Every structure is written in structure tokens, then in C-alpha cells.
Amino acid sequence: MMNTYQLYLLLLLIVMLIATTAMTVKQMNEIRRLQELRKRPRVVTVEECDGKTTTRDYREGDYVGLVSGQCPGGGPKRVIGIYAIKEEKKGGRSPI
């Protein structure tokens, strides 16, 4: 027969086991999410302003032909392209 002290210790052990399991599952989900983000290509927007082209990170709502602002010379700044860039791993082994 268990006394009160042993019962409390058993209950504490069960609570700690549940908390540890929950934290492990949360950590695994976070790692999986970060791995998925690494697989996605980087998307950039190419803009033309006064005959010069610049790139910036894609923003939701960008489309080719969008007037995204004004150039310093007073002309329109237009989106002329949107591209996905697949970033290669650095220091990886060769495919041979």
C-alpha cells in the first residue's frame, strides 16, 4: 500500500513525463517547420527606375507591371520581373 508521500512522488513523475513529451513534440514540429522553410526558394522582385534595375525581396501583392513608387527623377518605378532563386548549399559534397 502506498502512503501519501509516494503517491505525490508518482503524480509528480507522471506530470514531468507529460511535460517532457509535450516539449519534445513541440521541438520536433519546430525543426520540421524550419526544414520546410529551407526548401523554399527565395523570391525577389526586380524593379526598373530611370533605366536602372534593382532587386528587393518579394512582397505580397507584387506583380509585373505594378507601379511601386516614384523614382528620384519623377518617373514611375515599375516591377519588371519576379523570380524564384534556389539557394545552393555551401560546403556540400560534390555529386561525384
PDB file of N, CA and C in Angstrom:
ATOM      1  N   MET A   1       0.830  -1.165   0.000  1.00  0.00           N
ATOM      2  CA  MET A   1       0.000   0.000   0.000  1.00  0.00           C
ATOM      3  C   MET A   1       0.891   1.250   0.000  1.00  0.00           C
ATOM      4  N   MET A   2       0.500   2.253  -0.789  1.00  0.00           N
ATOM      5  CA  MET A   2       1.283   3.474  -0.934  1.00  0.00           C
ATOM      6  C   MET A   2       0.839   4.508   0.092  1.00  0.00           C
ATOM      7  N   ASN A   3       1.843   5.156   0.667  1.00  0.00           N
ATOM      8  CA  ASN A   3       1.479   6.246   1.568  1.00  0.00           C
ATOM      9  C   ASN A   3       1.341   7.535   0.747  1.00  0.00           C
ATOM     10  N   THR A   4       0.972   8.624   1.360  1.00  0.00           N
ATOM     11  CA  THR A   4       0.699   9.882   0.683  1.00  0.00           C
ATOM     12  C   THR A   4       1.944  10.425  -0.012  1.00  0.00           C
ATOM     13  N   TYR A   5       3.091  10.300   0.628  1.00  0.00           N
ATOM     14  CA  TYR A   5       4.341  10.787   0.056  1.00  0.00           C
ATOM     15  C   TYR A   5       4.645  10.085  -1.270  1.00  0.00           C
ATOM     16  N   GLN A   6       4.531   8.774  -1.298  1.00  0.00           N
ATOM     17  CA  GLN A   6       4.789   8.010  -2.515  1.00  0.00           C
ATOM     18  C   GLN A   6       3.777   8.352  -3.606  1.00  0.00           C
ATOM     19  N   LEU A   7       2.558   8.595  -3.242  1.00  0.00           N
ATOM     20  CA  LEU A   7       1.520   8.960  -4.201  1.00  0.00           C
ATOM     21  C   LEU A   7       1.843  10.312  -4.855  1.00  0.00           C
ATOM     22  N   TYR A   8       2.278  11.276  -4.036  1.00  0.00           N
ATOM     23  CA  TYR A   8       2.664  12.579  -4.584  1.00  0.00           C
ATOM     24  C   TYR A   8       3.879  12.470  -5.498  1.00  0.00           C
ATOM     25  N   LEU A   9       4.839  11.654  -5.138  1.00  0.00           N
ATOM     26  CA  LEU A   9       6.013  11.449  -5.991  1.00  0.00           C
ATOM     27  C   LEU A   9       5.624  10.820  -7.330  1.00  0.00           C
ATOM     28  N   LEU A  10       4.733   9.855  -7.298  1.00  0.00           N
ATOM     29  CA  LEU A  10       4.262   9.219  -8.526  1.00  0.00           C
ATOM     30  C   LEU A  10       3.520  10.230  -9.400  1.00  0.00           C
ATOM     31  N   LEU A  11       2.692  11.048  -8.793  1.00  0.00           N
ATOM     32  CA  LEU A  11       1.953  12.065  -9.531  1.00  0.00           C
ATOM     33  C   LEU A  11       2.911  13.083 -10.148  1.00  0.00           C
ATOM     34  N   LEU A  12       3.928  13.490  -9.409  1.00  0.00           N
ATOM     35  CA  LEU A  12       4.931  14.414  -9.918  1.00  0.00           C
ATOM     36  C   LEU A  12       5.683  13.805 -11.094  1.00  0.00           C
ATOM     37  N   LEU A  13       6.025  12.550 -10.996  1.00  0.00           N
ATOM     38  CA  LEU A  13       6.714  11.852 -12.079  1.00  0.00           C
ATOM     39  C   LEU A  13       5.854  11.819 -13.338  1.00  0.00           C
ATOM     40  N   ILE A  14       4.577  11.544 -13.190  1.00  0.00           N
ATOM     41  CA  ILE A  14       3.675  11.494 -14.344  1.00  0.00           C
ATOM     42  C   ILE A  14       3.547  12.872 -14.986  1.00  0.00           C
ATOM     43  N   VAL A  15       3.420  13.919 -14.175  1.00  0.00           N
ATOM     44  CA  VAL A  15       3.319  15.284 -14.712  1.00  0.00           C
ATOM     45  C   VAL A  15       4.596  15.663 -15.458  1.00  0.00           C
ATOM     46  N   MET A  16       5.745  15.322 -14.902  1.00  0.00           N
ATOM     47  CA  MET A  16       7.013  15.630 -15.557  1.00  0.00           C
ATOM     48  C   MET A  16       7.154  14.866 -16.875  1.00  0.00           C
ATOM     49  N   LEU A  17       6.707  13.629 -16.909  1.00  0.00           N
ATOM     50  CA  LEU A  17       6.755  12.831 -18.129  1.00  0.00           C
ATOM     51  C   LEU A  17       5.875  13.446 -19.212  1.00  0.00           C
ATOM     52  N   ILE A  18       4.692  13.877 -18.852  1.00  0.00           N
ATOM     53  CA  ILE A  18       3.777  14.508 -19.819  1.00  0.00           C
ATOM     54  C   ILE A  18       4.373  15.817 -20.329  1.00  0.00           C
ATOM     55  N   ALA A  19       4.929  16.640 -19.439  1.00  0.00           N
ATOM     56  CA  ALA A  19       5.522  17.916 -19.843  1.00  0.00           C
ATOM     57  C   ALA A  19       6.713  17.706 -20.773  1.00  0.00           C
ATOM     58  N   THR A  20       7.554  16.730 -20.460  1.00  0.00           N
ATOM     59  CA  THR A  20       8.710  16.436 -21.293  1.00  0.00           C
ATOM     60  C   THR A  20       8.282  15.958 -22.672  1.00  0.00           C
ATOM     61  N   THR A  21       7.279  15.107 -22.721  1.00  0.00           N
ATOM     62  CA  THR A  21       6.772  14.620 -24.003  1.00  0.00           C
ATOM     63  C   THR A  21       6.198  15.763 -24.830  1.00  0.00           C
ATOM     64  N   ALA A  22       5.438  16.657 -24.205  1.00  0.00           N
ATOM     65  CA  ALA A  22       4.848  17.793 -24.923  1.00  0.00           C
ATOM     66  C   ALA A  22       5.937  18.707 -25.482  1.00  0.00           C
ATOM     67  N   MET A  23       6.976  18.984 -24.691  1.00  0.00           N
ATOM     68  CA  MET A  23       8.062  19.843 -25.166  1.00  0.00           C
ATOM     69  C   MET A  23       8.833  19.189 -26.309  1.00  0.00           C
ATOM     70  N   THR A  24       9.023  17.878 -26.249  1.00  0.00           N
ATOM     71  CA  THR A  24       9.720  17.167 -27.317  1.00  0.00           C
ATOM     72  C   THR A  24       8.930  17.233 -28.619  1.00  0.00           C
ATOM     73  N   VAL A  25       7.628  17.025 -28.543  1.00  0.00           N
ATOM     74  CA  VAL A  25       6.783  17.088 -29.739  1.00  0.00           C
ATOM     75  C   VAL A  25       6.805  18.498 -30.325  1.00  0.00           C
ATOM     76  N   LYS A  26       6.749  19.515 -29.472  1.00  0.00           N
ATOM     77  CA  LYS A  26       6.789  20.900 -29.942  1.00  0.00           C
ATOM     78  C   LYS A  26       8.110  21.187 -30.640  1.00  0.00           C
ATOM     79  N   GLN A  27       9.211  20.731 -30.066  1.00  0.00           N
ATOM     80  CA  GLN A  27      10.525  20.941 -30.661  1.00  0.00           C
ATOM     81  C   GLN A  27      10.643  20.238 -32.011  1.00  0.00           C
ATOM     82  N   MET A  28      10.124  19.032 -32.118  1.00  0.00           N
ATOM     83  CA  MET A  28      10.165  18.299 -33.383  1.00  0.00           C
ATOM     84  C   MET A  28       9.370  19.028 -34.460  1.00  0.00           C
ATOM     85  N   ASN A  29       8.213  19.568 -34.104  1.00  0.00           N
ATOM     86  CA  ASN A  29       7.413  20.320 -35.068  1.00  0.00           C
ATOM     87  C   ASN A  29       8.134  21.580 -35.528  1.00  0.00           C
ATOM     88  N   GLU A  30       8.818  22.253 -34.630  1.00  0.00           N
ATOM     89  CA  GLU A  30       9.572  23.453 -34.978  1.00  0.00           C
ATOM     90  C   GLU A  30      10.720  23.112 -35.926  1.00  0.00           C
ATOM     91  N   ILE A  31      11.417  22.024 -35.671  1.00  0.00           N
ATOM     92  CA  ILE A  31      12.507  21.590 -36.554  1.00  0.00           C
ATOM     93  C   ILE A  31      11.963  21.254 -37.935  1.00  0.00           C
ATOM     94  N   ARG A  32      10.848  20.564 -37.993  1.00  0.00           N
ATOM     95  CA  ARG A  32      10.229  20.210 -39.271  1.00  0.00           C
ATOM     96  C   ARG A  32       9.822  21.471 -40.045  1.00  0.00           C
ATOM     97  N   ARG A  33       9.281  22.467 -39.341  1.00  0.00           N
ATOM     98  CA  ARG A  33       8.871  23.716 -39.982  1.00  0.00           C
ATOM     99  C   ARG A  33      10.088  24.461 -40.547  1.00  0.00           C
ATOM    100  N   LEU A  34      11.188  24.497 -39.803  1.00  0.00           N
ATOM    101  CA  LEU A  34      12.395  25.164 -40.275  1.00  0.00           C
ATOM    102  C   LEU A  34      12.996  24.454 -41.482  1.00  0.00           C
ATOM    103  N   GLN A  35      12.923  23.132 -41.509  1.00  0.00           N
ATOM    104  CA  GLN A  35      13.419  22.384 -42.663  1.00  0.00           C
ATOM    105  C   GLN A  35      12.595  22.690 -43.905  1.00  0.00           C
ATOM    106  N   GLU A  36      11.277  22.838 -43.739  1.00  0.00           N
ATOM    107  CA  GLU A  36      10.418  23.180 -44.869  1.00  0.00           C
ATOM    108  C   GLU A  36      10.735  24.581 -45.396  1.00  0.00           C
ATOM    109  N   LEU A  37      11.021  25.513 -44.481  1.00  0.00           N
ATOM    110  CA  LEU A  37      11.361  26.874 -44.906  1.00  0.00           C
ATOM    111  C   LEU A  37      12.654  26.902 -45.708  1.00  0.00           C
ATOM    112  N   ARG A  38      13.615  26.058 -45.338  1.00  0.00           N
ATOM    113  CA  ARG A  38      14.875  25.997 -46.079  1.00  0.00           C
ATOM    114  C   ARG A  38      14.688  25.482 -47.491  1.00  0.00           C
ATOM    115  N   LYS A  39      13.692  24.646 -47.701  1.00  0.00           N
ATOM    116  CA  LYS A  39      13.461  24.067 -49.024  1.00  0.00           C
ATOM    117  C   LYS A  39      12.848  25.078 -49.993  1.00  0.00           C
ATOM    118  N   ARG A  40      12.166  26.087 -49.465  1.00  0.00           N
ATOM    119  CA  ARG A  40      11.504  27.069 -50.319  1.00  0.00           C
ATOM    120  C   ARG A  40      12.533  27.974 -50.977  1.00  0.00           C
ATOM    121  N   PRO A  41      12.309  28.283 -52.259  1.00  0.00           N
ATOM    122  CA  PRO A  41      13.234  29.209 -52.908  1.00  0.00           C
ATOM    123  C   PRO A  41      12.985  30.642 -52.434  1.00  0.00           C
ATOM    124  N   ARG A  42      14.003  31.465 -52.542  1.00  0.00           N
ATOM    125  CA  ARG A  42      13.866  32.883 -52.207  1.00  0.00           C
ATOM    126  C   ARG A  42      13.242  33.573 -53.406  1.00  0.00           C
ATOM    127  N   VAL A  43      12.260  34.422 -53.184  1.00  0.00           N
ATOM    128  CA  VAL A  43      11.567  35.114 -54.267  1.00  0.00           C
ATOM    129  C   VAL A  43      11.951  36.581 -54.214  1.00  0.00           C
ATOM    130  N   VAL A  44      12.392  37.102 -55.368  1.00  0.00           N
ATOM    131  CA  VAL A  44      12.796  38.503 -55.454  1.00  0.00           C
ATOM    132  C   VAL A  44      11.971  39.217 -56.512  1.00  0.00           C
ATOM    133  N   THR A  45      11.821  40.505 -56.315  1.00  0.00           N
ATOM    134  CA  THR A  45      11.128  41.368 -57.274  1.00  0.00           C
ATOM    135  C   THR A  45      12.177  42.266 -57.917  1.00  0.00           C
ATOM    136  N   VAL A  46      12.123  42.368 -59.248  1.00  0.00           N
ATOM    137  CA  VAL A  46      13.039  43.230 -59.992  1.00  0.00           C
ATOM    138  C   VAL A  46      12.272  44.483 -60.392  1.00  0.00           C
ATOM    139  N   GLU A  47      12.831  45.642 -60.040  1.00  0.00           N
ATOM    140  CA  GLU A  47      12.191  46.916 -60.355  1.00  0.00           C
ATOM    141  C   GLU A  47      13.084  47.726 -61.292  1.00  0.00           C
ATOM    142  N   GLU A  48      12.436  48.535 -62.130  1.00  0.00           N
ATOM    143  CA  GLU A  48      13.170  49.429 -63.015  1.00  0.00           C
ATOM    144  C   GLU A  48      12.826  50.863 -62.641  1.00  0.00           C
ATOM    145  N   CYS A  49      13.868  51.665 -62.522  1.00  0.00           N
ATOM    146  CA  CYS A  49      13.691  53.064 -62.129  1.00  0.00           C
ATOM    147  C   CYS A  49      14.709  53.901 -62.890  1.00  0.00           C
ATOM    148  N   ASP A  50      14.237  54.794 -63.723  1.00  0.00           N
ATOM    149  CA  ASP A  50      15.119  55.669 -64.521  1.00  0.00           C
ATOM    150  C   ASP A  50      16.150  54.867 -65.312  1.00  0.00           C
ATOM    151  N   GLY A  51      15.745  53.717 -65.859  1.00  0.00           N
ATOM    152  CA  GLY A  51      16.636  52.903 -66.673  1.00  0.00           C
ATOM    153  C   GLY A  51      17.553  51.977 -65.881  1.00  0.00           C
ATOM    154  N   LYS A  52      17.502  52.034 -64.576  1.00  0.00           N
ATOM    155  CA  LYS A  52      18.332  51.162 -63.735  1.00  0.00           C
ATOM    156  C   LYS A  52      17.450  50.093 -63.104  1.00  0.00           C
ATOM    157  N   THR A  53      17.994  48.898 -62.964  1.00  0.00           N
ATOM    158  CA  THR A  53      17.226  47.814 -62.343  1.00  0.00           C
ATOM    159  C   THR A  53      17.778  47.531 -60.953  1.00  0.00           C
ATOM    160  N   THR A  54      16.866  47.254 -60.046  1.00  0.00           N
ATOM    161  CA  THR A  54      17.231  46.884 -58.678  1.00  0.00           C
ATOM    162  C   THR A  54      16.391  45.682 -58.279  1.00  0.00           C
ATOM    163  N   THR A  55      16.856  44.946 -57.277  1.00  0.00           N
ATOM    164  CA  THR A  55      16.081  43.819 -56.764  1.00  0.00           C
ATOM    165  C   THR A  55      15.789  44.048 -55.289  1.00  0.00           C
ATOM    166  N   ARG A  56      14.701  43.469 -54.861  1.00  0.00           N
ATOM    167  CA  ARG A  56      14.311  43.503 -53.449  1.00  0.00           C
ATOM    168  C   ARG A  56      13.538  42.232 -53.165  1.00  0.00           C
ATOM    169  N   ASP A  57      13.308  41.946 -51.897  1.00  0.00           N
ATOM    170  CA  ASP A  57      12.519  40.781 -51.533  1.00  0.00           C
ATOM    171  C   ASP A  57      11.082  40.966 -52.005  1.00  0.00           C
ATOM    172  N   TYR A  58      10.490  39.878 -52.435  1.00  0.00           N
ATOM    173  CA  TYR A  58       9.104  39.888 -52.898  1.00  0.00           C
ATOM    174  C   TYR A  58       8.172  40.267 -51.754  1.00  0.00           C
ATOM    175  N   ARG A  59       7.186  41.081 -52.066  1.00  0.00           N
ATOM    176  CA  ARG A  59       6.133  41.432 -51.112  1.00  0.00           C
ATOM    177  C   ARG A  59       4.806  40.972 -51.700  1.00  0.00           C
ATOM    178  N   GLU A  60       3.931  40.473 -50.842  1.00  0.00           N
ATOM    179  CA  GLU A  60       2.633  40.017 -51.314  1.00  0.00           C
ATOM    180  C   GLU A  60       1.928  41.168 -52.029  1.00  0.00           C
ATOM    181  N   GLY A  61       1.366  40.874 -53.195  1.00  0.00           N
ATOM    182  CA  GLY A  61       0.692  41.891 -53.988  1.00  0.00           C
ATOM    183  C   GLY A  61       1.534  42.371 -55.164  1.00  0.00           C
ATOM    184  N   ASP A  62       2.831  42.000 -55.193  1.00  0.00           N
ATOM    185  CA  ASP A  62       3.674  42.377 -56.330  1.00  0.00           C
ATOM    186  C   ASP A  62       3.227  41.634 -57.580  1.00  0.00           C
ATOM    187  N   TYR A  63       3.270  42.320 -58.705  1.00  0.00           N
ATOM    188  CA  TYR A  63       3.021  41.689 -59.996  1.00  0.00           C
ATOM    189  C   TYR A  63       3.763  42.496 -61.056  1.00  0.00           C
ATOM    190  N   VAL A  64       4.068  41.845 -62.183  1.00  0.00           N
ATOM    191  CA  VAL A  64       4.800  42.507 -63.250  1.00  0.00           C
ATOM    192  C   VAL A  64       3.921  43.616 -63.818  1.00  0.00           C
ATOM    193  N   GLY A  65       4.497  44.804 -63.909  1.00  0.00           N
ATOM    194  CA  GLY A  65       3.769  45.973 -64.403  1.00  0.00           C
ATOM    195  C   GLY A  65       3.300  46.893 -63.287  1.00  0.00           C
ATOM    196  N   LEU A  66       3.396  46.447 -62.053  1.00  0.00           N
ATOM    197  CA  LEU A  66       2.963  47.253 -60.907  1.00  0.00           C
ATOM    198  C   LEU A  66       3.834  48.505 -60.789  1.00  0.00           C
ATOM    199  N   VAL A  67       3.204  49.650 -60.637  1.00  0.00           N
ATOM    200  CA  VAL A  67       3.942  50.876 -60.330  1.00  0.00           C
ATOM    201  C   VAL A  67       4.087  50.907 -58.822  1.00  0.00           C
ATOM    202  N   SER A  68       5.327  50.683 -58.366  1.00  0.00           N
ATOM    203  CA  SER A  68       5.556  50.514 -56.926  1.00  0.00           C
ATOM    204  C   SER A  68       6.051  51.775 -56.241  1.00  0.00           C
ATOM    205  N   GLY A  69       6.124  52.866 -56.977  1.00  0.00           N
ATOM    206  CA  GLY A  69       6.565  54.113 -56.370  1.00  0.00           C
ATOM    207  C   GLY A  69       7.051  55.070 -57.429  1.00  0.00           C
ATOM    208  N   GLN A  70       7.720  56.099 -56.973  1.00  0.00           N
ATOM    209  CA  GLN A  70       8.275  57.088 -57.886  1.00  0.00           C
ATOM    210  C   GLN A  70       9.785  57.086 -57.791  1.00  0.00           C
ATOM    211  N   CYS A  71      10.407  57.288 -58.934  1.00  0.00           N
ATOM    212  CA  CYS A  71      11.856  57.395 -58.987  1.00  0.00           C
ATOM    213  C   CYS A  71      12.271  58.794 -58.537  1.00  0.00           C
ATOM    214  N   PRO A  72      13.538  58.953 -58.137  1.00  0.00           N
ATOM    215  CA  PRO A  72      14.012  60.285 -57.758  1.00  0.00           C
ATOM    216  C   PRO A  72      13.863  61.307 -58.893  1.00  0.00           C
ATOM    217  N   GLY A  73      13.934  60.827 -60.144  1.00  0.00           N
ATOM    218  CA  GLY A  73      13.791  61.721 -61.292  1.00  0.00           C
ATOM    219  C   GLY A  73      12.346  62.062 -61.612  1.00  0.00           C
ATOM    220  N   GLY A  74      11.403  61.482 -60.885  1.00  0.00           N
ATOM    221  CA  GLY A  74       9.988  61.783 -61.087  1.00  0.00           C
ATOM    222  C   GLY A  74       9.228  60.751 -61.895  1.00  0.00           C
ATOM    223  N   GLY A  75       9.934  59.826 -62.536  1.00  0.00           N
ATOM    224  CA  GLY A  75       9.259  58.795 -63.317  1.00  0.00           C
ATOM    225  C   GLY A  75       8.740  57.673 -62.430  1.00  0.00           C
ATOM    226  N   PRO A  76       7.962  56.761 -63.017  1.00  0.00           N
ATOM    227  CA  PRO A  76       7.414  55.660 -62.223  1.00  0.00           C
ATOM    228  C   PRO A  76       8.446  54.555 -61.987  1.00  0.00           C
ATOM    229  N   LYS A  77       8.383  53.961 -60.829  1.00  0.00           N
ATOM    230  CA  LYS A  77       9.202  52.784 -60.513  1.00  0.00           C
ATOM    231  C   LYS A  77       8.308  51.576 -60.765  1.00  0.00           C
ATOM    232  N   ARG A  78       8.686  50.720 -61.724  1.00  0.00           N
ATOM    233  CA  ARG A  78       7.849  49.597 -62.129  1.00  0.00           C
ATOM    234  C   ARG A  78       8.496  48.255 -61.819  1.00  0.00           C
ATOM    235  N   VAL A  79       7.642  47.300 -61.479  1.00  0.00           N
ATOM    236  CA  VAL A  79       8.089  45.919 -61.320  1.00  0.00           C
ATOM    237  C   VAL A  79       8.184  45.319 -62.721  1.00  0.00           C
ATOM    238  N   ILE A  80       9.380  44.839 -63.081  1.00  0.00           N
ATOM    239  CA  ILE A  80       9.565  44.263 -64.415  1.00  0.00           C
ATOM    240  C   ILE A  80       9.798  42.757 -64.375  1.00  0.00           C
ATOM    241  N   GLY A  81       9.898  42.184 -63.179  1.00  0.00           N
ATOM    242  CA  GLY A  81      10.087  40.742 -63.091  1.00  0.00           C
ATOM    243  C   GLY A  81       9.999  40.257 -61.657  1.00  0.00           C
ATOM    244  N   ILE A  82       9.585  39.007 -61.535  1.00  0.00           N
ATOM    245  CA  ILE A  82       9.536  38.337 -60.229  1.00  0.00           C
ATOM    246  C   ILE A  82      10.157  36.963 -60.438  1.00  0.00           C
ATOM    247  N   TYR A  83      11.174  36.642 -59.649  1.00  0.00           N
ATOM    248  CA  TYR A  83      11.921  35.410 -59.836  1.00  0.00           C
ATOM    249  C   TYR A  83      12.097  34.646 -58.536  1.00  0.00           C
ATOM    250  N   ALA A  84      12.125  33.336 -58.661  1.00  0.00           N
ATOM    251  CA  ALA A  84      12.456  32.462 -57.540  1.00  0.00           C
ATOM    252  C   ALA A  84      13.928  32.073 -57.689  1.00  0.00           C
ATOM    253  N   ILE A  85      14.688  32.233 -56.626  1.00  0.00           N
ATOM    254  CA  ILE A  85      16.116  31.907 -56.647  1.00  0.00           C
ATOM    255  C   ILE A  85      16.341  30.734 -55.713  1.00  0.00           C
ATOM    256  N   LYS A  86      16.815  29.646 -56.268  1.00  0.00           N
ATOM    257  CA  LYS A  86      17.125  28.477 -55.449  1.00  0.00           C
ATOM    258  C   LYS A  86      18.536  28.646 -54.914  1.00  0.00           C
ATOM    259  N   GLU A  87      18.638  28.751 -53.595  1.00  0.00           N
ATOM    260  CA  GLU A  87      19.941  28.952 -52.985  1.00  0.00           C
ATOM    261  C   GLU A  87      20.623  27.604 -52.815  1.00  0.00           C
ATOM    262  N   GLU A  88      21.862  27.534 -53.296  1.00  0.00           N
ATOM    263  CA  GLU A  88      22.608  26.290 -53.205  1.00  0.00           C
ATOM    264  C   GLU A  88      23.287  26.194 -51.853  1.00  0.00           C
ATOM    265  N   LYS A  89      23.453  24.952 -51.393  1.00  0.00           N
ATOM    266  CA  LYS A  89      24.134  24.724 -50.119  1.00  0.00           C
ATOM    267  C   LYS A  89      25.615  25.010 -50.285  1.00  0.00           C
ATOM    268  N   LYS A  90      26.200  25.620 -49.286  1.00  0.00           N
ATOM    269  CA  LYS A  90      27.627  25.917 -49.313  1.00  0.00           C
ATOM    270  C   LYS A  90      28.376  24.819 -48.584  1.00  0.00           C
ATOM    271  N   GLY A  91      29.500  24.429 -49.143  1.00  0.00           N
ATOM    272  CA  GLY A  91      30.340  23.451 -48.487  1.00  0.00           C
ATOM    273  C   GLY A  91      29.822  22.021 -48.584  1.00  0.00           C
ATOM    274  N   GLY A  92      28.894  21.796 -49.488  1.00  0.00           N
ATOM    275  CA  GLY A  92      28.342  20.462 -49.642  1.00  0.00           C
ATOM    276  C   GLY A  92      29.299  19.563 -50.407  1.00  0.00           C
ATOM    277  N   ARG A  93      29.019  18.288 -50.396  1.00  0.00           N
ATOM    278  CA  ARG A  93      29.857  17.350 -51.138  1.00  0.00           C
ATOM    279  C   ARG A  93      29.529  17.435 -52.620  1.00  0.00           C
ATOM    280  N   SER A  94      30.489  17.086 -53.429  1.00  0.00           N
ATOM    281  CA  SER A  94      30.262  17.094 -54.877  1.00  0.00           C
ATOM    282  C   SER A  94      29.394  15.883 -55.243  1.00  0.00           C
ATOM    283  N   PRO A  95      28.640  15.972 -56.332  1.00  0.00           N
ATOM    284  CA  PRO A  95      27.739  14.887 -56.703  1.00  0.00           C
ATOM    285  C   PRO A  95      28.438  13.664 -57.274  1.00  0.00           C
ATOM    286  N   ILE A  96      29.759  13.672 -57.347  1.00  0.00           N
ATOM    287  CA  ILE A  96      30.501  12.538 -57.926  1.00  0.00           C
ATOM    288  C   ILE A  96      30.584  11.404 -56.944  1.00  0.00           C
TER     289      ILE A  96
END
